[in-house]
Amino acid sequence: MTGKARGRTPTVTDADIRRVTRALLAGHGPESVTLRAIARELGVTAPALYRHYSSRDELLERMRVEFCADLAEFLSTEIEPLPDDGAVQFLAICRGFRHWALANPREFTLVFASPTAQPSMMRRFDEPFGRIFLAAAGRLLANFEIATPPEEIIPAELREDLIGFQVDLLAMLSESGQKFPAEKLDLGVTYLMVQIWARLFGHVTLEVFGNYPIPLADPEIMFDAMLADLARTTGFAD
């Protein structure tokens, strides 16, 4: 009779690693995620994880992509029952983005605000959240007369950067087959898209990190006022 095998290393799956990583992130933030900490939770040694991930950065990037997909799924669920109206869906996406960020601050930090979150705005648009954002923006452009700044008032120092973004975005839209009226993507629209994202992201980031300039009894009122101002100035308000 053979004796019972001893010292056998438990089998670790990619799903196990991601489950523990999610728990560490949700409980303590990205800084708590190390291969050593994950291995300790799983009862293995850190080298046992290398067959799945070569480094902590690779694992965090995998989780960042997964959280982007979670956000996209959440937003898709939010807009699914809404009418096929670009303005209604766009505003719902903005509100849904804020709600998800406030409900998942650690995940938001990893995806959008941590040192490891390095993708450019261009790459954001090629990810699930960005594609939902672009689809709604496309419906706005197709169905509303959006008030965009004339090209002559765009600061000359920004034009080269905006043109580069415009070219990359058009190429991505062409490759992805997105329903976006590319013929309307002039420099004014490009400039407006960047400004809208900066205002939306800036407000949400300040709120998630508790850094809003003044204490607010109901920050959602300020957020809705910002959205109403965007809708009014761009021409898709009721």
Protein backbone atom coordinates (compact mmCIF):
# COMPACT_ATOMS: atom_id res chain seq x y z
CA MET A 1 0.00 0.00 0.00
CA THR A 2 1.37 3.39 -0.91
CA GLY A 3 1.38 6.18 1.56
CA LYS A 4 -0.73 9.33 1.12
CA ALA A 5 1.02 11.93 -1.00
CA ARG A 6 2.28 14.81 1.02
CA GLY A 7 3.36 18.33 0.12
CA ARG A 8 1.39 18.45 -3.11
CA THR A 9 0.89 22.06 -4.26
CA PRO A 10 -2.80 22.93 -4.57
CA THR A 11 -3.98 23.51 -8.11
CA VAL A 12 -4.50 27.21 -8.76
CA THR A 13 -6.65 28.42 -11.63
CA ASP A 14 -6.79 31.81 -13.31
CA ALA A 15 -10.32 32.19 -11.93
CA ASP A 16 -8.98 31.63 -8.38
CA ILE A 17 -6.36 34.32 -8.86
CA ARG A 18 -8.84 36.83 -10.24
CA ARG A 19 -11.36 36.07 -7.48
CA VAL A 20 -8.79 36.77 -4.76
CA THR A 21 -7.51 39.83 -6.61
CA ARG A 22 -11.02 41.24 -6.79
CA ALA A 23 -11.44 40.72 -3.04
CA LEU A 24 -8.13 42.41 -2.24
CA LEU A 25 -8.92 45.34 -4.54
CA ALA A 26 -12.41 45.83 -3.15
CA GLY A 27 -11.20 45.62 0.43
CA HIS A 28 -7.92 47.47 0.35
CA GLY A 29 -7.24 49.02 -3.07
CA PRO A 30 -4.68 48.34 -5.82
CA GLU A 31 -1.69 48.76 -3.49
CA SER A 32 -2.79 45.64 -1.59
CA VAL A 33 -2.52 43.44 -4.66
CA THR A 34 0.79 41.60 -4.72
CA LEU A 35 1.54 38.13 -5.98
CA ARG A 36 2.74 37.24 -2.49
CA ALA A 37 -0.55 38.36 -0.91
CA ILE A 38 -2.59 36.44 -3.48
CA ALA A 39 -0.49 33.32 -3.02
CA ARG A 40 -0.92 33.53 0.74
CA GLU A 41 -4.72 33.71 0.36
CA LEU A 42 -4.66 30.69 -1.96
CA GLY A 43 -2.28 28.66 0.21
CA VAL A 44 0.47 28.43 -2.40
CA THR A 45 3.83 30.03 -3.02
CA ALA A 46 4.14 33.09 -5.25
CA PRO A 47 6.01 31.19 -8.02
CA ALA A 48 2.90 29.03 -8.48
CA LEU A 49 1.17 32.10 -9.91
CA TYR A 50 3.76 32.75 -12.61
CA ARG A 51 2.29 30.15 -14.93
CA HIS A 52 -0.72 32.48 -15.19
CA TYR A 53 0.84 35.95 -14.82
CA SER A 54 4.43 36.97 -15.34
CA SER A 55 4.12 40.03 -13.11
CA ARG A 56 1.83 42.06 -10.88
CA ASP A 57 1.43 44.63 -13.66
CA GLU A 58 0.17 41.96 -16.05
CA LEU A 59 -2.39 40.81 -13.48
CA LEU A 60 -3.57 44.37 -12.77
CA GLU A 61 -3.97 45.03 -16.48
CA ARG A 62 -6.07 41.87 -16.78
CA MET A 63 -8.25 43.09 -13.92
CA ARG A 64 -8.49 46.59 -15.41
CA VAL A 65 -9.86 45.10 -18.64
CA GLU A 66 -12.28 42.95 -16.66
CA PHE A 67 -13.57 45.94 -14.70
CA CYS A 68 -14.01 47.89 -17.96
CA ALA A 69 -16.21 45.03 -19.15
CA ASP A 70 -18.15 45.14 -15.85
CA LEU A 71 -18.77 48.86 -16.33
CA ALA A 72 -19.90 48.35 -19.93
CA GLU A 73 -22.29 45.60 -18.86
CA PHE A 74 -23.71 47.84 -16.14
CA LEU A 75 -24.24 50.71 -18.59
CA SER A 76 -25.80 48.41 -21.18
CA THR A 77 -28.29 47.25 -18.56
CA GLU A 78 -29.03 50.87 -17.63
CA ILE A 79 -29.88 51.95 -21.19
CA GLU A 80 -31.56 48.73 -22.38
CA PRO A 81 -35.10 49.74 -21.30
CA LEU A 82 -34.73 53.32 -22.58
CA PRO A 83 -36.14 54.61 -25.87
CA ASP A 84 -33.82 54.75 -28.88
CA ASP A 85 -33.06 58.39 -28.21
CA GLY A 86 -29.45 59.55 -28.31
CA ALA A 87 -29.92 62.34 -25.77
CA VAL A 88 -31.77 60.18 -23.25
CA GLN A 89 -29.24 57.36 -23.56
CA PHE A 90 -26.20 59.64 -23.46
CA LEU A 91 -27.34 61.30 -20.23
CA ALA A 92 -28.19 57.89 -18.74
CA ILE A 93 -24.67 56.69 -19.59
CA CYS A 94 -23.17 59.71 -17.84
CA ARG A 95 -25.29 59.10 -14.74
CA GLY A 96 -24.57 55.37 -14.86
CA PHE A 97 -20.82 56.05 -15.04
CA ARG A 98 -21.06 58.14 -11.86
CA HIS A 99 -23.20 55.55 -10.04
CA TRP A 100 -20.81 52.71 -10.93
CA ALA A 101 -17.77 54.74 -9.85
CA LEU A 102 -19.31 55.63 -6.48
CA ALA A 103 -20.40 52.03 -5.89
CA ASN A 104 -17.00 50.63 -6.95
CA PRO A 105 -14.38 53.21 -5.93
CA ARG A 106 -11.47 50.74 -5.79
CA GLU A 107 -12.28 49.37 -9.23
CA PHE A 108 -12.72 52.91 -10.56
CA THR A 109 -9.30 53.82 -9.18
CA LEU A 110 -7.64 50.90 -10.94
CA VAL A 111 -9.39 51.52 -14.25
CA PHE A 112 -9.21 55.30 -14.44
CA ALA A 113 -7.05 56.84 -11.74
CA SER A 114 -4.18 54.61 -10.61
CA PRO A 115 -0.55 54.82 -11.78
CA THR A 116 -1.10 51.57 -13.69
CA ALA A 117 -4.06 53.06 -15.61
CA GLN A 118 -2.10 54.45 -18.52
CA PRO A 119 -4.30 54.00 -21.61
CA SER A 120 -4.95 57.17 -23.57
CA MET A 121 -8.42 58.53 -24.24
CA MET A 122 -8.11 56.96 -27.69
CA ARG A 123 -7.67 53.50 -26.22
CA ARG A 124 -10.57 54.12 -23.83
CA PHE A 125 -12.83 54.57 -26.85
CA ASP A 126 -11.73 51.20 -28.21
CA GLU A 127 -12.77 49.44 -24.99
CA PRO A 128 -16.31 48.33 -24.04
CA PHE A 129 -17.16 51.47 -22.02
CA GLY A 130 -15.82 53.73 -24.76
CA ARG A 131 -17.77 51.94 -27.46
CA ILE A 132 -21.02 52.48 -25.54
CA PHE A 133 -20.11 56.16 -25.06
CA LEU A 134 -19.31 56.54 -28.77
CA ALA A 135 -22.50 54.82 -29.87
CA ALA A 136 -24.60 57.28 -27.85
CA ALA A 137 -22.51 60.23 -29.09
CA GLY A 138 -23.03 59.00 -32.64
CA ARG A 139 -26.80 58.98 -32.19
CA LEU A 140 -26.61 62.53 -30.84
CA LEU A 141 -24.64 63.73 -33.86
CA ALA A 142 -26.95 61.94 -36.26
CA ASN A 143 -30.21 63.23 -34.79
CA PHE A 144 -29.46 66.64 -33.27
CA GLU A 145 -27.90 69.85 -34.47
CA ILE A 146 -25.07 69.86 -31.97
CA ALA A 147 -23.64 73.28 -31.20
CA THR A 148 -19.89 72.81 -31.62
CA PRO A 149 -17.26 75.53 -31.31
CA PRO A 150 -16.14 76.94 -34.66
CA GLU A 151 -12.64 75.84 -35.60
CA GLU A 152 -11.29 79.39 -35.52
CA ILE A 153 -11.80 79.70 -31.75
CA ILE A 154 -9.96 76.46 -30.95
CA PRO A 155 -6.54 77.44 -29.53
CA ALA A 156 -3.88 76.97 -32.17
CA GLU A 157 -1.66 75.17 -29.66
CA LEU A 158 -4.27 72.40 -29.32
CA ARG A 159 -4.92 71.78 -32.99
CA GLU A 160 -2.12 69.31 -33.62
CA ASP A 161 -3.16 67.17 -30.65
CA LEU A 162 -6.83 67.33 -31.64
CA ILE A 163 -6.09 66.44 -35.26
CA GLY A 164 -4.07 63.43 -34.10
CA PHE A 165 -6.96 62.29 -31.92
CA GLN A 166 -9.43 62.90 -34.76
CA VAL A 167 -7.39 60.80 -37.21
CA ASP A 168 -6.96 57.95 -34.72
CA LEU A 169 -10.65 57.99 -33.80
CA LEU A 170 -11.76 57.92 -37.45
CA ALA A 171 -9.45 54.96 -38.08
CA MET A 172 -10.81 53.10 -35.06
CA LEU A 173 -14.41 53.79 -36.10
CA SER A 174 -13.68 52.50 -39.59
CA GLU A 175 -12.06 49.31 -38.28
CA SER A 176 -14.73 48.60 -35.68
CA GLY A 177 -17.73 49.27 -37.90
CA GLN A 178 -19.31 51.51 -35.25
CA LYS A 179 -22.47 53.34 -36.28
CA PHE A 180 -20.99 56.81 -35.92
CA PRO A 181 -21.46 59.58 -38.51
CA ALA A 182 -17.77 59.96 -39.25
CA GLU A 183 -18.44 62.73 -41.75
CA LYS A 184 -19.54 64.93 -38.84
CA LEU A 185 -16.35 64.39 -36.86
CA ASP A 186 -14.78 67.74 -37.63
CA LEU A 187 -12.32 69.50 -35.34
CA GLY A 188 -15.12 71.28 -33.45
CA VAL A 189 -16.83 67.99 -32.62
CA THR A 190 -13.50 66.47 -31.61
CA TYR A 191 -12.80 69.41 -29.31
CA LEU A 192 -16.29 69.15 -27.79
CA MET A 193 -15.92 65.40 -27.14
CA VAL A 194 -12.69 65.96 -25.23
CA GLN A 195 -14.24 68.77 -23.19
CA ILE A 196 -17.31 66.69 -22.31
CA TRP A 197 -15.16 63.78 -21.18
CA ALA A 198 -12.95 66.12 -19.11
CA ARG A 199 -15.98 67.60 -17.32
CA LEU A 200 -17.66 64.24 -16.74
CA PHE A 201 -14.48 62.47 -15.59
CA GLY A 202 -13.35 65.45 -13.51
CA HIS A 203 -16.60 65.69 -11.56
CA VAL A 204 -16.79 61.95 -10.92
CA THR A 205 -13.14 61.71 -9.87
CA LEU A 206 -13.45 64.59 -7.41
CA GLU A 207 -16.56 63.03 -5.92
CA VAL A 208 -15.15 59.49 -5.67
CA PHE A 209 -12.04 60.74 -3.87
CA GLY A 210 -13.93 63.17 -1.63
CA ASN A 211 -12.14 66.19 -3.10
CA TYR A 212 -15.06 68.28 -4.31
CA PRO A 213 -14.26 71.99 -3.70
CA ILE A 214 -17.12 72.51 -1.23
CA PRO A 215 -19.17 70.18 0.98
CA LEU A 216 -22.40 69.25 -0.78
CA ALA A 217 -25.47 67.86 0.96
CA ASP A 218 -26.49 66.20 -2.31
CA PRO A 219 -23.66 65.98 -4.89
CA GLU A 220 -26.04 64.39 -7.40
CA ILE A 221 -27.83 67.74 -7.76
CA MET A 222 -24.57 69.37 -8.81
CA PHE A 223 -23.84 66.52 -11.21
CA ASP A 224 -27.29 66.79 -12.80
CA ALA A 225 -26.85 70.56 -13.09
CA MET A 226 -23.56 69.98 -14.91
CA LEU A 227 -25.27 67.54 -17.30
CA ALA A 228 -28.13 69.99 -17.88
CA ASP A 229 -25.60 72.70 -18.70
CA LEU A 230 -23.85 70.37 -21.18
CA ALA A 231 -27.16 69.49 -22.81
CA ARG A 232 -28.20 73.13 -23.03
CA THR A 233 -24.93 74.45 -24.45
CA THR A 234 -24.55 71.65 -26.97
CA GLY A 235 -28.15 71.85 -28.14
CA PHE A 236 -29.69 68.50 -27.23
CA ALA A 237 -31.69 69.65 -24.19
CA ASP A 238 -35.45 69.32 -24.30
